[in-house]
Protein backbone atom coordinates (compact mmCIF):
# COMPACT_ATOMS: atom_id res chain seq x y z
CA UNK A 1 133.84 136.21 49.64
CA UNK A 2 135.83 134.75 52.51
CA UNK A 3 134.14 132.43 55.01
CA UNK A 4 134.18 133.41 58.71
CA UNK A 5 136.73 131.52 60.74
CA UNK A 6 135.37 128.74 62.98
CA UNK A 7 135.85 129.40 66.67
CA UNK A 8 136.58 126.84 69.35
CA UNK A 9 133.77 126.73 71.92
CA UNK A 10 134.73 127.80 75.40
CA UNK A 11 134.48 125.56 78.46
CA UNK A 12 131.50 127.60 79.59
CA UNK A 13 129.73 127.03 76.26
CA UNK A 14 130.36 123.29 76.44
CA UNK A 15 129.15 123.11 80.05
CA UNK A 16 125.97 124.99 79.21
CA UNK A 17 125.29 122.67 76.25
CA UNK A 18 125.27 119.55 78.47
CA UNK A 19 121.74 118.77 79.57
CA UNK A 20 121.75 116.76 82.79
CA UNK A 21 118.73 114.62 83.54
CA UNK A 22 116.53 115.89 86.35
CA UNK A 23 117.83 115.14 89.80
CA UNK A 24 114.47 114.03 91.16
CA UNK A 25 114.70 110.43 89.92
CA UNK A 26 113.04 107.45 91.53
CA UNK A 27 115.09 104.41 92.52
CA UNK A 28 114.96 101.53 90.06
CA UNK A 29 116.11 98.43 91.92
CA UNK A 30 114.87 94.85 91.46
CA UNK A 31 113.12 92.98 94.31
CA UNK A 32 115.35 91.59 97.02
CA UNK A 33 116.51 87.99 96.78
CA UNK A 34 114.91 86.73 99.99
CA UNK A 35 113.59 87.61 103.43
CA UNK A 36 117.13 87.11 104.76
CA UNK A 37 118.42 89.86 102.46
CA UNK A 38 115.58 92.24 103.32
CA UNK A 39 115.92 91.67 107.06
CA UNK A 40 119.70 92.11 106.93
CA UNK A 41 119.46 95.39 105.01
CA UNK A 42 116.80 96.73 107.38
CA UNK A 43 118.92 95.70 110.36
CA UNK A 44 122.03 97.51 109.11
CA UNK A 45 120.07 100.69 108.35
CA UNK A 46 118.37 100.72 111.74
CA UNK A 47 121.61 100.02 113.58
CA UNK A 48 123.65 102.81 112.02
CA UNK A 49 120.81 105.33 112.29
CA UNK A 50 120.33 104.53 115.97
CA UNK A 51 124.08 104.54 116.67
CA UNK A 52 124.39 107.96 115.00
CA UNK A 53 121.02 109.27 116.18
CA UNK A 54 122.59 112.52 117.40
CA UNK A 55 124.30 113.19 114.05
CA UNK A 56 122.79 115.06 111.11
CA UNK A 57 125.67 114.80 108.65
CA UNK A 58 125.20 111.38 107.07
CA UNK A 59 122.89 109.46 104.77
CA UNK A 60 122.35 105.72 105.21
CA UNK A 61 120.05 103.55 103.14
CA UNK A 62 119.79 100.29 101.26
CA UNK A 63 118.67 98.84 97.93
CA UNK A 64 118.48 102.38 96.52
CA UNK A 65 119.74 103.45 93.11
CA UNK A 66 122.87 105.60 92.83
CA UNK A 67 122.76 107.62 89.60
CA UNK A 68 126.26 108.76 88.69
CA UNK A 69 126.19 109.62 84.98
CA UNK A 70 123.93 111.82 82.87
CA UNK A 71 124.04 109.15 80.15
CA UNK A 72 121.90 106.86 82.33
CA UNK A 73 122.79 103.57 80.72
CA UNK A 74 121.39 101.06 83.18
CA UNK A 75 124.14 98.49 82.82
CA UNK A 76 126.90 101.06 83.25
CA UNK A 77 125.92 104.32 84.85
CA UNK A 78 123.82 103.46 87.85
CA UNK A 79 124.06 100.92 90.61
CA UNK A 80 122.01 100.03 93.66
CA UNK A 81 124.15 98.82 96.58
CA UNK A 82 122.34 96.75 99.17
CA UNK A 83 123.56 99.09 101.91
CA UNK A 84 125.59 102.29 101.74
CA UNK A 85 126.54 105.28 103.84
CA UNK A 86 127.51 108.75 102.63
CA UNK A 87 129.30 110.96 105.14
CA UNK A 88 129.04 114.75 105.29
CA UNK A 89 125.64 114.59 103.60
CA UNK A 90 122.31 116.07 104.58
CA UNK A 91 120.25 113.66 106.65
CA UNK A 92 116.96 113.54 104.78
CA UNK A 93 114.77 111.14 102.81
CA UNK A 94 115.52 110.69 99.10
CA UNK A 95 114.00 108.89 96.13
CA UNK A 96 117.49 107.92 94.97
CA UNK A 97 121.08 109.12 95.29
CA UNK A 98 121.88 111.40 92.36
CA UNK A 99 125.58 112.18 92.43
CA UNK A 100 125.43 115.40 90.40
CA UNK A 101 122.77 116.72 92.77
CA UNK A 102 124.83 115.80 95.85
CA UNK A 103 128.00 117.82 95.22
CA UNK A 104 129.56 114.86 93.46
CA UNK A 105 129.56 112.73 96.60
CA UNK A 106 129.77 108.93 96.37
CA UNK A 107 129.28 106.44 99.22
CA UNK A 108 131.98 106.19 101.85
CA UNK A 109 130.91 102.65 102.75
CA UNK A 110 129.16 99.99 100.68
CA UNK A 111 127.97 96.54 101.77
CA UNK A 112 126.69 94.04 99.21
CA UNK A 113 124.74 90.95 100.23
CA UNK A 114 125.73 87.97 98.13
CA UNK A 115 123.34 85.52 96.50
CA UNK A 116 123.67 82.83 93.86
CA UNK A 117 122.56 85.28 91.16
CA UNK A 118 124.62 88.32 92.25
CA UNK A 119 127.82 86.99 93.83
CA UNK A 120 129.90 87.06 90.64
CA UNK A 121 128.84 90.64 89.87
CA UNK A 122 129.35 91.82 93.46
CA UNK A 123 132.84 90.31 93.53
CA UNK A 124 133.75 91.41 90.02
CA UNK A 125 132.09 94.25 88.11
CA UNK A 126 130.67 96.07 91.12
CA UNK A 127 133.93 95.85 93.00
CA UNK A 128 135.70 97.46 90.04
CA UNK A 129 133.08 100.22 89.78
CA UNK A 130 133.25 100.95 93.49
CA UNK A 131 137.05 101.02 93.30
CA UNK A 132 137.64 102.91 90.06
CA UNK A 133 134.58 105.15 89.68
CA UNK A 134 133.01 105.58 93.10
CA UNK A 135 136.36 105.53 94.93
CA UNK A 136 134.44 104.19 97.92
CA UNK A 137 136.97 103.81 100.76
CA UNK A 138 135.34 100.79 102.47
CA UNK A 139 133.67 97.93 100.60
CA UNK A 140 132.30 94.75 102.18
CA UNK A 141 130.34 91.77 100.99
CA UNK A 142 128.37 89.35 103.13
CA UNK A 143 126.50 86.15 102.33
CA UNK A 144 123.42 85.82 104.62
CA UNK A 145 123.32 82.07 103.94
CA UNK A 146 126.94 80.90 104.12
CA UNK A 147 127.92 83.83 106.41
CA UNK A 148 130.95 84.64 104.23
CA UNK A 149 132.27 88.08 105.14
CA UNK A 150 135.04 89.94 103.38
CA UNK A 151 136.15 93.56 103.41
CA UNK A 152 138.39 95.94 101.47
CA UNK A 153 139.88 99.37 102.04
CA UNK A 154 140.98 101.68 99.24
CA UNK A 155 144.72 102.35 99.32
CA UNK A 156 146.42 104.25 96.49
CA UNK A 157 143.38 103.68 94.28
CA UNK A 158 143.30 99.89 94.79
CA UNK A 159 141.23 97.76 97.14
CA UNK A 160 143.30 95.94 99.72
CA UNK A 161 141.91 93.06 101.79
CA UNK A 162 141.08 93.87 105.38
CA UNK A 163 142.70 91.50 107.86
CA UNK A 164 140.20 90.20 110.42
CA UNK A 165 140.92 90.36 114.13
CA UNK A 166 141.33 87.18 116.18
CA UNK A 167 137.58 87.23 116.76
CA UNK A 168 136.91 87.57 113.02
CA UNK A 169 135.94 91.25 112.99
CA UNK A 170 136.70 93.67 110.14
CA UNK A 171 137.42 97.35 110.83
CA UNK A 172 135.69 100.09 108.87
CA UNK A 173 137.74 103.27 109.01
CA UNK A 174 134.84 105.29 107.64
CA UNK A 175 132.28 104.09 110.19
CA UNK A 176 134.85 103.71 112.97
CA UNK A 177 133.12 100.44 113.78
CA UNK A 178 133.87 96.75 113.40
CA UNK A 179 131.75 94.44 111.27
CA UNK A 180 131.28 90.80 112.25
CA UNK A 181 128.75 87.98 112.20
CA UNK A 182 126.68 87.68 115.36
CA UNK A 183 123.90 85.11 115.75
CA UNK A 184 123.74 84.64 111.99
CA UNK A 185 123.49 88.36 111.17
CA UNK A 186 126.02 90.98 110.09
CA UNK A 187 126.35 93.41 112.99
CA UNK A 188 128.39 96.44 114.03
CA UNK A 189 130.71 96.50 117.03
CA UNK A 190 132.26 99.48 118.79
CA UNK A 191 136.05 100.02 118.90
CA UNK A 192 135.91 98.53 122.41
CA UNK A 193 134.26 95.40 121.03
CA UNK A 194 130.73 96.04 122.32
CA UNK A 195 127.77 95.06 120.16
CA UNK A 196 125.92 98.03 118.65
CA UNK A 197 122.35 97.48 119.71
CA UNK A 198 118.92 98.52 118.52
CA UNK A 199 116.73 100.64 120.81
CA UNK A 200 114.64 97.60 121.73
CA UNK A 201 117.84 95.68 122.50
CA UNK A 202 118.94 98.46 124.83
CA UNK A 203 115.49 98.53 126.44
CA UNK A 204 115.59 94.76 126.94
CA UNK A 205 119.09 95.02 128.38
CA UNK A 206 117.94 97.71 130.82
CA UNK A 207 114.94 95.58 131.78
CA UNK A 208 117.25 92.61 132.32
CA UNK A 209 119.58 94.71 134.45
CA UNK A 210 116.62 96.07 136.43
CA UNK A 211 115.29 92.54 136.84
CA UNK A 212 118.68 91.36 138.09
CA UNK A 213 118.86 94.31 140.50
CA UNK A 214 115.37 93.53 141.79
CA UNK A 215 116.36 89.88 142.17
CA UNK A 216 119.46 90.91 144.13
CA UNK A 217 117.35 93.25 146.30
CA UNK A 218 114.85 90.45 146.85
CA UNK A 219 117.65 88.10 147.88
CA UNK A 220 119.06 90.75 150.24
CA UNK A 221 115.61 91.27 151.78
CA UNK A 222 115.23 87.52 152.16
CA UNK A 223 118.61 87.34 153.89
CA UNK A 224 117.64 90.24 156.16
CA UNK A 225 114.34 88.54 156.95
CA UNK A 226 116.16 85.32 157.82
CA UNK A 227 118.58 87.24 160.04
CA UNK A 228 115.66 88.94 161.80
CA UNK A 229 114.00 85.56 162.25
CA UNK A 230 117.20 84.14 163.72
CA UNK A 231 117.50 87.14 166.04
CA UNK A 232 113.87 86.74 167.07
CA UNK A 233 114.47 83.05 167.82
CA UNK A 234 117.56 83.89 169.85
CA UNK A 235 115.63 86.48 171.84
CA UNK A 236 112.86 83.97 172.46
CA UNK A 237 115.40 81.42 173.65
CA UNK A 238 116.94 84.02 175.97
CA UNK A 239 113.46 84.90 177.30
CA UNK A 240 112.71 81.25 177.96
CA UNK A 241 116.04 80.77 179.75
CA UNK A 242 115.36 83.88 181.85
CA UNK A 243 111.90 82.58 182.76
CA UNK A 244 113.32 79.19 183.79
CA UNK A 245 116.00 80.89 185.90
CA UNK A 246 113.41 83.14 187.55
CA UNK A 247 111.24 80.12 188.37
CA UNK A 248 114.21 78.32 189.93
CA UNK A 249 115.02 81.37 192.04
CA UNK A 250 111.47 81.62 193.29
CA UNK A 251 111.54 77.90 194.11
CA UNK A 252 114.68 78.54 196.13
CA UNK A 253 112.88 81.34 198.00
CA UNK A 254 114.71 84.12 196.22
CA UNK A 255 112.89 87.04 194.65
CA UNK A 256 114.16 87.39 191.05
CA UNK A 257 113.46 91.12 191.03
CA UNK A 258 116.10 91.56 193.75
CA UNK A 259 118.68 90.03 191.44
CA UNK A 260 117.74 91.43 188.02
């Protein structure tokens, strides 16, 4: 009796046989290196969310796991950038970024914060993963202690160094913003070179401007008051001169009212 011929499984059969892990997976990142790292990550997240507060088509977060393979081997198939931004994504809270649940999207921008224990990985293995697997267009690393800042842009599948401006700023094509160190922190700058501020920074700036305006108004009022005082003194001097003249006329037997 002949055996039935073996058939090659179709693409549909193979696809259906792959069991992807659930997409609702919690982040699995280690604690941050220091307060400097935590404060820097929080600052970057707050800045970009405030700058793009009228946009609903991006996701920005930090120290959150990116799951990008159903195999889920920790050392190979998921990474947790210190800060990343995904464009054309729904703006909502997530437990983690699960690539196969996000239409295959990877971060458009990644920033890693260097430390003694992570610098070699950030500059080596992670850079290769972000270049070859994530295909993340803009990658930066920053050392909160030494203030080392370096950036790369993906060109023809390879990271190319970004050349800093004369003021030391690096351009992110994806964010359409500059990155640079300002008062010991990594900050964003507009294409015109203005510092991207937090809401409290803007409020303080407005208060400062209002205070300066009030100070100018106060100075103008003081000048006006001095001018009025000078005018009043001049009028008083004129009155005194008129009184002296009138007295002299009366002494001379002349009625002042006949003259004035």
